[in-house]
Amino acid sequence: MISWLKKHFIPHQGNNHRPHFLRTNNTRSIVLAILFIEAFLFLIPTVIHINKNGGMAAVLPSILSDLTNEERVMKKETPLVINPVLNKAAMMKATDMANNGYFAHTSPDGKTPWYWLEKVGYDYQYAGENLAVNFTDSKDVTKAWMNSPSHKSNIIKKNYTEMGTGIATGVYEGKETIFVAQVYANPLPKKVEVENIATKEVKVNTASETNKDISVLGAETIKEITTNEITEIKYPTLTQKMFASPRNTTNTILFTILGIVTISLLLNIFIRIKHFHLDLITNGLLVIAILGFIFVINYFLSYRNVSVIQRMDYSNQNK
């Protein structure tokens, strides 16, 4: 291994002071590998939208939830619990935007964000909503929210304890795209008065009566939603995570290649400085220039149409 590294990266008499890594044939292979990585991991998912057919779109909710909790942890806040009921509410909101071609907290027919919480039977004390549209990378959605002070305040707000995320594909401003809705909330505490304090007896409907009001003696009724009515929580695989963030995945790999090329170039220049070869230096600089160009193009393609809207948060007093 050491001899291989020395042969490919360290100029010395054994390789005629010409490290193999920066020789023209190897440089050509490096460039081809870079182009393949760029096409397979970024351009195909981004331009052709492979994500809409079981790829990125299928795993985005759980990935975006993970990214949100990562941001909360970095801000020393407690991670939010992924609530399937909130997932359902967020999915209904995203679907409504996709079906009706709008991007706003309040729909054209007047449905407010809390309408969807009421629809799924979620009683909240505080709640908030972040929206996004026209993106190609799941991490870019969270970054866009975190770069907006109002959206960031929703993500890291202390009042929230649960969240749900939903996505849907539809047409917005004449172009097919993905709509994202993420809902944050904390449930309204349930007040249960027990009729017989000594025995703590509570009367509940049988399992066959699910999706009906559960009667609790001496308390207000609450609605239970059966598991087949709510959004299932799915945890993505590593491969799905990679395709859900094509730009970030591509950049991670290309930055690694950039680091290797840069180190090789510096070793070639400063070790045996009297014996450096201009063609090897040119090859290294060419690869660095190609990588820099790709980073700029990827950033432009990822962010050119991403849009977030002024966030909304509310409490049950606003209904």
C-alpha atoms as a PDB file:
ATOM      1  CA  MET A   1       0.000   0.000   0.000  1.00  0.00           C
ATOM      2  CA  ILE A   2       2.791   2.400   0.922  1.00  0.00           C
ATOM      3  CA  SER A   3       4.672   1.611  -2.270  1.00  0.00           C
ATOM      4  CA  TRP A   4       1.471   2.189  -4.294  1.00  0.00           C
ATOM      5  CA  LEU A   5       0.900   5.582  -2.668  1.00  0.00           C
ATOM      6  CA  LYS A   6       4.518   6.524  -3.226  1.00  0.00           C
ATOM      7  CA  LYS A   7       4.317   5.475  -6.869  1.00  0.00           C
ATOM      8  CA  HIS A   8       1.132   7.446  -7.565  1.00  0.00           C
ATOM      9  CA  PHE A   9       1.551  10.548  -5.405  1.00  0.00           C
ATOM     10  CA  ILE A  10       5.170  11.119  -4.374  1.00  0.00           C
ATOM     11  CA  PRO A  11       7.700  12.268  -6.971  1.00  0.00           C
ATOM     12  CA  HIS A  12      10.884  10.251  -6.630  1.00  0.00           C
ATOM     13  CA  GLN A  13      13.530   8.608  -8.744  1.00  0.00           C
ATOM     14  CA  GLY A  14      11.558   5.350  -9.008  1.00  0.00           C
ATOM     15  CA  ASN A  15       8.747   7.038 -10.983  1.00  0.00           C
ATOM     16  CA  ASN A  16      11.108   9.462 -12.725  1.00  0.00           C
ATOM     17  CA  HIS A  17       9.707  12.233 -10.498  1.00  0.00           C
ATOM     18  CA  ARG A  18       6.400  11.854 -12.351  1.00  0.00           C
ATOM     19  CA  PRO A  19       3.691  10.579  -9.937  1.00  0.00           C
ATOM     20  CA  HIS A  20       1.302   8.330 -11.837  1.00  0.00           C
ATOM     21  CA  PHE A  21      -1.851   9.969 -10.451  1.00  0.00           C
ATOM     22  CA  LEU A  22      -1.384  13.145 -12.478  1.00  0.00           C
ATOM     23  CA  ARG A  23      -0.185  11.512 -15.674  1.00  0.00           C
ATOM     24  CA  THR A  24      -2.326  12.166 -18.733  1.00  0.00           C
ATOM     25  CA  ASN A  25      -3.940   8.711 -18.939  1.00  0.00           C
ATOM     26  CA  ASN A  26      -4.941   8.777 -15.278  1.00  0.00           C
ATOM     27  CA  THR A  27      -6.124  12.383 -15.540  1.00  0.00           C
ATOM     28  CA  ARG A  28      -8.344  11.377 -18.449  1.00  0.00           C
ATOM     29  CA  SER A  29      -9.817   8.562 -16.329  1.00  0.00           C
ATOM     30  CA  ILE A  30     -10.397  10.954 -13.424  1.00  0.00           C
ATOM     31  CA  VAL A  31     -12.277  13.390 -15.662  1.00  0.00           C
ATOM     32  CA  LEU A  32     -14.433  10.574 -17.077  1.00  0.00           C
ATOM     33  CA  ALA A  33     -15.205   9.379 -13.532  1.00  0.00           C
ATOM     34  CA  ILE A  34     -16.167  12.920 -12.533  1.00  0.00           C
ATOM     35  CA  LEU A  35     -18.510  13.231 -15.514  1.00  0.00           C
ATOM     36  CA  PHE A  36     -20.073   9.840 -14.775  1.00  0.00           C
ATOM     37  CA  ILE A  37     -20.670  10.766 -11.117  1.00  0.00           C
ATOM     38  CA  GLU A  38     -22.127  14.101 -12.165  1.00  0.00           C
ATOM     39  CA  ALA A  39     -24.491  12.503 -14.679  1.00  0.00           C
ATOM     40  CA  PHE A  40     -25.571   9.520 -12.581  1.00  0.00           C
ATOM     41  CA  LEU A  41     -25.962  11.178  -9.177  1.00  0.00           C
ATOM     42  CA  PHE A  42     -26.985  14.712 -10.117  1.00  0.00           C
ATOM     43  CA  LEU A  43     -28.098  15.363 -13.689  1.00  0.00           C
ATOM     44  CA  ILE A  44     -30.361  12.329 -14.066  1.00  0.00           C
ATOM     45  CA  PRO A  45     -32.267  12.838 -10.765  1.00  0.00           C
ATOM     46  CA  THR A  46     -32.377  16.605 -11.289  1.00  0.00           C
ATOM     47  CA  VAL A  47     -33.153  17.135 -14.965  1.00  0.00           C
ATOM     48  CA  ILE A  48     -35.090  13.969 -15.816  1.00  0.00           C
ATOM     49  CA  HIS A  49     -36.804  13.907 -12.392  1.00  0.00           C
ATOM     50  CA  ILE A  50     -36.274  10.206 -11.693  1.00  0.00           C
ATOM     51  CA  ASN A  51     -37.299  11.140  -8.154  1.00  0.00           C
ATOM     52  CA  LYS A  52     -40.952  11.383  -9.119  1.00  0.00           C
ATOM     53  CA  ASN A  53     -41.297   7.667  -9.795  1.00  0.00           C
ATOM     54  CA  GLY A  54     -40.392   6.009  -6.521  1.00  0.00           C
ATOM     55  CA  GLY A  55     -37.033   7.673  -5.987  1.00  0.00           C
ATOM     56  CA  MET A  56     -36.582  10.888  -4.086  1.00  0.00           C
ATOM     57  CA  ALA A  57     -40.274  11.624  -3.722  1.00  0.00           C
ATOM     58  CA  ALA A  58     -40.897   8.285  -1.997  1.00  0.00           C
ATOM     59  CA  VAL A  59     -38.495   9.007   0.847  1.00  0.00           C
ATOM     60  CA  LEU A  60     -38.502  12.774   1.170  1.00  0.00           C
ATOM     61  CA  PRO A  61     -40.850  13.058   4.166  1.00  0.00           C
ATOM     62  CA  SER A  62     -38.673  10.974   6.474  1.00  0.00           C
ATOM     63  CA  ILE A  63     -35.467  12.563   5.166  1.00  0.00           C
ATOM     64  CA  LEU A  64     -36.790  16.090   5.648  1.00  0.00           C
ATOM     65  CA  SER A  65     -37.907  15.151   9.154  1.00  0.00           C
ATOM     66  CA  ASP A  66     -34.405  13.879   9.936  1.00  0.00           C
ATOM     67  CA  LEU A  67     -32.854  17.064   8.559  1.00  0.00           C
ATOM     68  CA  THR A  68     -35.194  19.206  10.642  1.00  0.00           C
ATOM     69  CA  ASN A  69     -34.219  17.352  13.801  1.00  0.00           C
ATOM     70  CA  GLU A  70     -30.536  17.681  12.915  1.00  0.00           C
ATOM     71  CA  GLU A  71     -30.997  21.449  12.818  1.00  0.00           C
ATOM     72  CA  ARG A  72     -32.797  21.414  16.162  1.00  0.00           C
ATOM     73  CA  VAL A  73     -30.049  19.348  17.774  1.00  0.00           C
ATOM     74  CA  MET A  74     -27.408  21.764  16.464  1.00  0.00           C
ATOM     75  CA  LYS A  75     -29.373  24.591  18.096  1.00  0.00           C
ATOM     76  CA  LYS A  76     -29.533  22.555  21.334  1.00  0.00           C
ATOM     77  CA  GLU A  77     -33.285  22.011  21.022  1.00  0.00           C
ATOM     78  CA  THR A  78     -35.119  18.746  21.667  1.00  0.00           C
ATOM     79  CA  PRO A  79     -35.798  16.728  18.479  1.00  0.00           C
ATOM     80  CA  LEU A  80     -39.414  16.626  17.352  1.00  0.00           C
ATOM     81  CA  VAL A  81     -41.364  13.382  17.400  1.00  0.00           C
ATOM     82  CA  ILE A  82     -42.625  12.311  13.970  1.00  0.00           C
ATOM     83  CA  ASN A  83     -46.384  12.037  14.400  1.00  0.00           C
ATOM     84  CA  PRO A  84     -48.195   9.970  11.724  1.00  0.00           C
ATOM     85  CA  VAL A  85     -51.308  12.113  12.156  1.00  0.00           C
ATOM     86  CA  LEU A  86     -49.306  15.258  11.381  1.00  0.00           C
ATOM     87  CA  ASN A  87     -47.742  13.421   8.430  1.00  0.00           C
ATOM     88  CA  LYS A  88     -51.278  12.871   7.172  1.00  0.00           C
ATOM     89  CA  ALA A  89     -52.199  16.543   7.624  1.00  0.00           C
ATOM     90  CA  ALA A  90     -49.030  17.694   5.848  1.00  0.00           C
ATOM     91  CA  MET A  91     -49.630  15.251   3.003  1.00  0.00           C
ATOM     92  CA  MET A  92     -53.187  16.499   2.583  1.00  0.00           C
ATOM     93  CA  LYS A  93     -51.949  20.092   2.422  1.00  0.00           C
ATOM     94  CA  ALA A  94     -49.215  19.260  -0.104  1.00  0.00           C
ATOM     95  CA  THR A  95     -51.696  17.284  -2.207  1.00  0.00           C
ATOM     96  CA  ASP A  96     -54.186  20.151  -2.154  1.00  0.00           C
ATOM     97  CA  MET A  97     -51.517  22.558  -3.409  1.00  0.00           C
ATOM     98  CA  ALA A  98     -50.452  20.099  -6.113  1.00  0.00           C
ATOM     99  CA  ASN A  99     -53.999  19.368  -7.278  1.00  0.00           C
ATOM    100  CA  ASN A 100     -55.018  23.023  -7.378  1.00  0.00           C
ATOM    101  CA  GLY A 101     -51.743  24.560  -8.560  1.00  0.00           C
ATOM    102  CA  TYR A 102     -51.209  27.108  -5.778  1.00  0.00           C
ATOM    103  CA  PHE A 103     -48.407  27.795  -3.320  1.00  0.00           C
ATOM    104  CA  ALA A 104     -49.673  29.525  -0.202  1.00  0.00           C
ATOM    105  CA  HIS A 105     -50.610  28.855   3.401  1.00  0.00           C
ATOM    106  CA  THR A 106     -54.270  29.630   2.633  1.00  0.00           C
ATOM    107  CA  SER A 107     -55.812  27.887  -0.374  1.00  0.00           C
ATOM    108  CA  PRO A 108     -57.779  29.784  -3.051  1.00  0.00           C
ATOM    109  CA  ASP A 109     -61.004  28.442  -1.538  1.00  0.00           C
ATOM    110  CA  GLY A 110     -60.043  29.693   1.926  1.00  0.00           C
ATOM    111  CA  LYS A 111     -58.626  26.593   3.633  1.00  0.00           C
ATOM    112  CA  THR A 112     -56.228  27.743   6.345  1.00  0.00           C
ATOM    113  CA  PRO A 113     -53.341  25.598   7.667  1.00  0.00           C
ATOM    114  CA  TRP A 114     -55.280  24.554  10.736  1.00  0.00           C
ATOM    115  CA  TYR A 115     -58.093  23.245   8.517  1.00  0.00           C
ATOM    116  CA  TRP A 116     -55.937  20.192   7.776  1.00  0.00           C
ATOM    117  CA  LEU A 117     -55.204  19.621  11.458  1.00  0.00           C
ATOM    118  CA  GLU A 118     -58.912  19.663  12.190  1.00  0.00           C
ATOM    119  CA  LYS A 119     -59.482  17.340   9.234  1.00  0.00           C
ATOM    120  CA  VAL A 120     -57.261  14.640  10.769  1.00  0.00           C
ATOM    121  CA  GLY A 121     -58.559  15.250  14.279  1.00  0.00           C
ATOM    122  CA  TYR A 122     -55.358  16.696  15.765  1.00  0.00           C
ATOM    123  CA  ASP A 123     -56.028  19.017  18.720  1.00  0.00           C
ATOM    124  CA  TYR A 124     -53.109  21.402  19.055  1.00  0.00           C
ATOM    125  CA  GLN A 125     -51.948  24.060  21.453  1.00  0.00           C
ATOM    126  CA  TYR A 126     -49.430  25.629  19.082  1.00  0.00           C
ATOM    127  CA  ALA A 127     -48.777  24.778  15.448  1.00  0.00           C
ATOM    128  CA  GLY A 128     -46.800  26.066  12.488  1.00  0.00           C
ATOM    129  CA  GLU A 129     -46.248  25.333   8.824  1.00  0.00           C
ATOM    130  CA  ASN A 130     -43.336  25.665   6.376  1.00  0.00           C
ATOM    131  CA  LEU A 131     -43.811  25.244   2.624  1.00  0.00           C
ATOM    132  CA  ALA A 132     -41.426  24.786  -0.310  1.00  0.00           C
ATOM    133  CA  VAL A 133     -41.704  24.203  -4.043  1.00  0.00           C
ATOM    134  CA  ASN A 134     -39.424  23.813  -7.083  1.00  0.00           C
ATOM    135  CA  PHE A 135     -36.451  21.967  -5.606  1.00  0.00           C
ATOM    136  CA  THR A 136     -34.240  19.075  -6.635  1.00  0.00           C
ATOM    137  CA  ASP A 137     -32.430  18.262  -3.392  1.00  0.00           C
ATOM    138  CA  SER A 138     -33.992  17.465  -0.025  1.00  0.00           C
ATOM    139  CA  LYS A 139     -31.158  19.083   1.928  1.00  0.00           C
ATOM    140  CA  ASP A 140     -31.628  22.273  -0.071  1.00  0.00           C
ATOM    141  CA  VAL A 141     -35.206  22.530   1.201  1.00  0.00           C
ATOM    142  CA  THR A 142     -34.063  22.542   4.828  1.00  0.00           C
ATOM    143  CA  LYS A 143     -31.207  24.919   3.995  1.00  0.00           C
ATOM    144  CA  ALA A 144     -33.639  27.315   2.317  1.00  0.00           C
ATOM    145  CA  TRP A 145     -35.857  27.263   5.406  1.00  0.00           C
ATOM    146  CA  MET A 146     -32.900  27.734   7.753  1.00  0.00           C
ATOM    147  CA  ASN A 147     -31.647  30.679   5.670  1.00  0.00           C
ATOM    148  CA  SER A 148     -34.993  32.398   6.206  1.00  0.00           C
ATOM    149  CA  PRO A 149     -35.337  33.817   9.752  1.00  0.00           C
ATOM    150  CA  SER A 150     -39.099  33.254   9.826  1.00  0.00           C
ATOM    151  CA  HIS A 151     -38.906  29.634   8.613  1.00  0.00           C
ATOM    152  CA  LYS A 152     -35.968  28.953  10.898  1.00  0.00           C
ATOM    153  CA  SER A 153     -37.981  30.123  13.891  1.00  0.00           C
ATOM    154  CA  ASN A 154     -40.602  27.465  13.105  1.00  0.00           C
ATOM    155  CA  ILE A 155     -37.992  24.708  12.870  1.00  0.00           C
ATOM    156  CA  ILE A 156     -36.287  25.508  16.181  1.00  0.00           C
ATOM    157  CA  LYS A 157     -39.263  26.829  18.136  1.00  0.00           C
ATOM    158  CA  LYS A 158     -39.352  25.546  21.716  1.00  0.00           C
ATOM    159  CA  ASN A 159     -43.150  25.297  21.790  1.00  0.00           C
ATOM    160  CA  TYR A 160     -43.263  22.438  19.285  1.00  0.00           C
ATOM    161  CA  THR A 161     -42.859  18.793  20.243  1.00  0.00           C
ATOM    162  CA  GLU A 162     -44.108  16.960  17.133  1.00  0.00           C
ATOM    163  CA  MET A 163     -43.980  17.316  13.382  1.00  0.00           C
ATOM    164  CA  GLY A 164     -45.239  15.828  10.146  1.00  0.00           C
ATOM    165  CA  THR A 165     -44.039  16.140   6.558  1.00  0.00           C
ATOM    166  CA  GLY A 166     -45.874  15.629   3.294  1.00  0.00           C
ATOM    167  CA  ILE A 167     -44.995  15.932  -0.379  1.00  0.00           C
ATOM    168  CA  ALA A 168     -46.958  15.750  -3.608  1.00  0.00           C
ATOM    169  CA  THR A 169     -46.262  16.225  -7.301  1.00  0.00           C
ATOM    170  CA  GLY A 170     -48.282  18.604  -9.393  1.00  0.00           C
ATOM    171  CA  VAL A 171     -48.080  21.560 -11.754  1.00  0.00           C
ATOM    172  CA  TYR A 172     -47.099  25.018 -10.544  1.00  0.00           C
ATOM    173  CA  GLU A 173     -46.720  27.984 -12.886  1.00  0.00           C
ATOM    174  CA  GLY A 174     -46.880  25.671 -15.880  1.00  0.00           C
ATOM    175  CA  LYS A 175     -44.177  23.248 -14.726  1.00  0.00           C
ATOM    176  CA  GLU A 176     -44.447  19.865 -13.031  1.00  0.00           C
ATOM    177  CA  THR A 177     -42.769  20.013  -9.653  1.00  0.00           C
ATOM    178  CA  ILE A 178     -42.837  18.777  -6.066  1.00  0.00           C
ATOM    179  CA  PHE A 179     -44.707  20.561  -3.288  1.00  0.00           C
ATOM    180  CA  VAL A 180     -43.510  20.229   0.306  1.00  0.00           C
ATOM    181  CA  ALA A 181     -45.426  20.933   3.504  1.00  0.00           C
ATOM    182  CA  GLN A 182     -43.970  20.478   6.968  1.00  0.00           C
ATOM    183  CA  VAL A 183     -46.173  20.948  10.013  1.00  0.00           C
ATOM    184  CA  TYR A 184     -44.960  21.539  13.582  1.00  0.00           C
ATOM    185  CA  ALA A 185     -47.185  21.319  16.642  1.00  0.00           C
ATOM    186  CA  ASN A 186     -47.659  20.263  20.199  1.00  0.00           C
ATOM    187  CA  PRO A 187     -50.869  18.478  21.162  1.00  0.00           C
ATOM    188  CA  LEU A 188     -53.457  20.075  23.356  1.00  0.00           C
ATOM    189  CA  PRO A 189     -53.262  18.388  26.776  1.00  0.00           C
ATOM    190  CA  LYS A 190     -56.198  16.071  27.336  1.00  0.00           C
ATOM    191  CA  LYS A 191     -58.190  16.751  30.489  1.00  0.00           C
ATOM    192  CA  VAL A 192     -59.701  13.514  31.754  1.00  0.00           C
ATOM    193  CA  GLU A 193     -61.881  13.572  34.819  1.00  0.00           C
ATOM    194  CA  VAL A 194     -62.230  10.091  36.293  1.00  0.00           C
ATOM    195  CA  GLU A 195     -65.584   9.282  37.798  1.00  0.00           C
ATOM    196  CA  ASN A 196     -64.220   6.783  40.307  1.00  0.00           C
ATOM    197  CA  ILE A 197     -60.878   8.072  41.608  1.00  0.00           C
ATOM    198  CA  ALA A 198     -60.347   5.042  43.814  1.00  0.00           C
ATOM    199  CA  THR A 199     -60.402   2.513  40.972  1.00  0.00           C
ATOM    200  CA  LYS A 200     -59.397   4.876  38.091  1.00  0.00           C
ATOM    201  CA  GLU A 201     -62.078   3.337  35.898  1.00  0.00           C
ATOM    202  CA  VAL A 202     -62.271   4.647  32.348  1.00  0.00           C
ATOM    203  CA  LYS A 203     -64.770   3.380  29.820  1.00  0.00           C
ATOM    204  CA  VAL A 204     -63.462   3.089  26.260  1.00  0.00           C
ATOM    205  CA  ASN A 205     -65.150   1.778  23.140  1.00  0.00           C
ATOM    206  CA  THR A 206     -64.094  -1.649  21.894  1.00  0.00           C
ATOM    207  CA  ALA A 207     -61.513  -2.133  19.109  1.00  0.00           C
ATOM    208  CA  SER A 208     -64.292  -2.753  16.604  1.00  0.00           C
ATOM    209  CA  GLU A 209     -65.488   0.798  17.167  1.00  0.00           C
ATOM    210  CA  THR A 210     -62.276   2.509  16.073  1.00  0.00           C
ATOM    211  CA  ASN A 211     -62.539   5.746  14.103  1.00  0.00           C
ATOM    212  CA  LYS A 212     -65.462   6.709  16.362  1.00  0.00           C
ATOM    213  CA  ASP A 213     -65.461   9.008  19.336  1.00  0.00           C
ATOM    214  CA  ILE A 214     -63.908   7.418  22.407  1.00  0.00           C
ATOM    215  CA  SER A 215     -66.082   8.113  25.415  1.00  0.00           C
ATOM    216  CA  VAL A 216     -64.289   8.885  28.645  1.00  0.00           C
ATOM    217  CA  LEU A 217     -66.414   9.226  31.744  1.00  0.00           C
ATOM    218  CA  GLY A 218     -66.564  12.794  32.922  1.00  0.00           C
ATOM    219  CA  ALA A 219     -64.426  14.159  30.045  1.00  0.00           C
ATOM    220  CA  GLU A 220     -64.790  15.666  26.617  1.00  0.00           C
ATOM    221  CA  THR A 221     -64.819  13.198  23.754  1.00  0.00           C
ATOM    222  CA  ILE A 222     -61.720  12.775  21.620  1.00  0.00           C
ATOM    223  CA  LYS A 223     -61.385  11.268  18.153  1.00  0.00           C
ATOM    224  CA  GLU A 224     -59.157   8.331  17.425  1.00  0.00           C
ATOM    225  CA  ILE A 225     -57.741   7.792  13.928  1.00  0.00           C
ATOM    226  CA  THR A 226     -56.968   4.237  12.908  1.00  0.00           C
ATOM    227  CA  THR A 227     -53.514   3.339  11.632  1.00  0.00           C
ATOM    228  CA  ASN A 228     -54.761   2.541   8.140  1.00  0.00           C
ATOM    229  CA  GLU A 229     -55.912   6.164   7.776  1.00  0.00           C
ATOM    230  CA  ILE A 230     -52.620   7.828   8.594  1.00  0.00           C
ATOM    231  CA  THR A 231     -49.359   8.262   6.768  1.00  0.00           C
ATOM    232  CA  GLU A 232     -47.019   5.376   7.438  1.00  0.00           C
ATOM    233  CA  ILE A 233     -43.598   6.330   8.770  1.00  0.00           C
ATOM    234  CA  LYS A 234     -40.939   4.896   6.483  1.00  0.00           C
ATOM    235  CA  TYR A 235     -37.247   5.070   7.180  1.00  0.00           C
ATOM    236  CA  PRO A 236     -35.071   5.521   4.075  1.00  0.00           C
ATOM    237  CA  THR A 237     -32.102   3.390   3.147  1.00  0.00           C
ATOM    238  CA  LEU A 238     -28.654   4.869   2.538  1.00  0.00           C
ATOM    239  CA  THR A 239     -29.167   4.601  -1.229  1.00  0.00           C
ATOM    240  CA  GLN A 240     -32.483   6.437  -1.014  1.00  0.00           C
ATOM    241  CA  LYS A 241     -30.863   9.157   1.082  1.00  0.00           C
ATOM    242  CA  MET A 242     -28.201   9.610  -1.578  1.00  0.00           C
ATOM    243  CA  PHE A 243     -30.761  10.012  -4.359  1.00  0.00           C
ATOM    244  CA  ALA A 244     -32.926  12.277  -2.214  1.00  0.00           C
ATOM    245  CA  SER A 245     -30.063  14.785  -2.042  1.00  0.00           C
ATOM    246  CA  PRO A 246     -28.415  14.530  -5.467  1.00  0.00           C
ATOM    247  CA  ARG A 247     -26.472  17.786  -5.329  1.00  0.00           C
ATOM    248  CA  ASN A 248     -25.138  17.255  -1.827  1.00  0.00           C
ATOM    249  CA  THR A 249     -24.262  13.620  -2.525  1.00  0.00           C
ATOM    250  CA  THR A 250     -22.481  14.575  -5.742  1.00  0.00           C
ATOM    251  CA  ASN A 251     -20.653  17.442  -4.064  1.00  0.00           C
ATOM    252  CA  THR A 252     -19.446  15.211  -1.234  1.00  0.00           C
ATOM    253  CA  ILE A 253     -17.872  12.761  -3.681  1.00  0.00           C
ATOM    254  CA  LEU A 254     -16.461  15.488  -5.926  1.00  0.00           C
ATOM    255  CA  PHE A 255     -15.018  17.406  -2.960  1.00  0.00           C
ATOM    256  CA  THR A 256     -13.221  14.201  -1.980  1.00  0.00           C
ATOM    257  CA  ILE A 257     -11.756  13.930  -5.483  1.00  0.00           C
ATOM    258  CA  LEU A 258     -10.834  17.626  -5.338  1.00  0.00           C
ATOM    259  CA  GLY A 259      -8.978  17.073  -2.095  1.00  0.00           C
ATOM    260  CA  ILE A 260      -7.020  14.121  -3.494  1.00  0.00           C
ATOM    261  CA  VAL A 261      -6.096  16.012  -6.663  1.00  0.00           C
ATOM    262  CA  THR A 262      -5.080  19.097  -4.698  1.00  0.00           C
ATOM    263  CA  ILE A 263      -2.866  17.104  -2.343  1.00  0.00           C
ATOM    264  CA  SER A 264      -1.285  15.285  -5.288  1.00  0.00           C
ATOM    265  CA  LEU A 265      -0.648  18.585  -7.054  1.00  0.00           C
ATOM    266  CA  LEU A 266       0.966  20.172  -3.995  1.00  0.00           C
ATOM    267  CA  LEU A 267       3.161  17.112  -3.422  1.00  0.00           C
ATOM    268  CA  ASN A 268       4.235  17.227  -7.055  1.00  0.00           C
ATOM    269  CA  ILE A 269       5.161  20.909  -6.774  1.00  0.00           C
ATOM    270  CA  PHE A 270       6.869  21.068  -3.403  1.00  0.00           C
ATOM    271  CA  ILE A 271       8.597  17.676  -3.192  1.00  0.00           C
ATOM    272  CA  ARG A 272      11.661  17.685  -5.408  1.00  0.00           C
ATOM    273  CA  ILE A 273      10.714  21.166  -6.523  1.00  0.00           C
ATOM    274  CA  LYS A 274      13.581  21.179  -9.019  1.00  0.00           C
ATOM    275  CA  HIS A 275      12.128  18.165 -10.802  1.00  0.00           C
ATOM    276  CA  PHE A 276       8.474  19.148 -11.172  1.00  0.00           C
ATOM    277  CA  HIS A 277       6.871  18.630 -14.585  1.00  0.00           C
ATOM    278  CA  LEU A 278       4.679  21.274 -16.136  1.00  0.00           C
ATOM    279  CA  ASP A 279       2.370  18.785 -17.867  1.00  0.00           C
ATOM    280  CA  LEU A 280       1.500  17.112 -14.536  1.00  0.00           C
ATOM    281  CA  ILE A 281       0.779  20.474 -12.936  1.00  0.00           C
ATOM    282  CA  THR A 282      -1.387  21.406 -15.921  1.00  0.00           C
ATOM    283  CA  ASN A 283      -3.309  18.141 -15.616  1.00  0.00           C
ATOM    284  CA  GLY A 284      -3.975  18.768 -11.928  1.00  0.00           C
ATOM    285  CA  LEU A 285      -5.098  22.361 -12.514  1.00  0.00           C
ATOM    286  CA  LEU A 286      -7.363  21.206 -15.349  1.00  0.00           C
ATOM    287  CA  VAL A 287      -9.151  18.713 -13.080  1.00  0.00           C
ATOM    288  CA  ILE A 288      -9.554  21.390 -10.375  1.00  0.00           C
ATOM    289  CA  ALA A 289     -10.989  23.818 -12.940  1.00  0.00           C
ATOM    290  CA  ILE A 290     -13.491  21.210 -14.191  1.00  0.00           C
ATOM    291  CA  LEU A 291     -14.596  20.459 -10.630  1.00  0.00           C
ATOM    292  CA  GLY A 292     -15.025  24.170  -9.863  1.00  0.00           C
ATOM    293  CA  PHE A 293     -17.172  24.607 -12.972  1.00  0.00           C
ATOM    294  CA  ILE A 294     -19.351  21.629 -12.005  1.00  0.00           C
ATOM    295  CA  PHE A 295     -19.856  22.987  -8.453  1.00  0.00           C
ATOM    296  CA  VAL A 296     -21.114  26.292  -9.891  1.00  0.00           C
ATOM    297  CA  ILE A 297     -23.434  24.592 -12.396  1.00  0.00           C
ATOM    298  CA  ASN A 298     -24.859  22.269  -9.742  1.00  0.00           C
ATOM    299  CA  TYR A 299     -25.568  25.162  -7.406  1.00  0.00           C
ATOM    300  CA  PHE A 300     -27.308  27.101 -10.171  1.00  0.00           C
ATOM    301  CA  LEU A 301     -29.451  24.160 -11.254  1.00  0.00           C
ATOM    302  CA  SER A 302     -30.449  23.343  -7.672  1.00  0.00           C
ATOM    303  CA  TYR A 303     -31.376  26.831  -6.512  1.00  0.00           C
ATOM    304  CA  ARG A 304     -32.628  28.594  -9.618  1.00  0.00           C
ATOM    305  CA  ASN A 305     -36.332  27.900  -8.915  1.00  0.00           C
ATOM    306  CA  VAL A 306     -36.474  26.885  -5.255  1.00  0.00           C
ATOM    307  CA  SER A 307     -39.113  28.896  -3.464  1.00  0.00           C
ATOM    308  CA  VAL A 308     -40.221  29.118   0.142  1.00  0.00           C
ATOM    309  CA  ILE A 309     -43.051  31.255   1.359  1.00  0.00           C
ATOM    310  CA  GLN A 310     -43.448  33.341   4.485  1.00  0.00           C
ATOM    311  CA  ARG A 311     -43.958  30.847   7.258  1.00  0.00           C
ATOM    312  CA  MET A 312     -47.082  30.721   9.370  1.00  0.00           C
ATOM    313  CA  ASP A 313     -47.493  29.737  12.980  1.00  0.00           C
ATOM    314  CA  TYR A 314     -50.638  29.866  15.054  1.00  0.00           C
ATOM    315  CA  SER A 315     -52.300  28.714  18.222  1.00  0.00           C
ATOM    316  CA  ASN A 316     -55.735  27.309  18.935  1.00  0.00           C
ATOM    317  CA  GLN A 317     -56.897  30.785  19.919  1.00  0.00           C
ATOM    318  CA  ASN A 318     -56.622  31.810  16.241  1.00  0.00           C
ATOM    319  CA  LYS A 319     -59.229  29.405  14.944  1.00  0.00           C
END
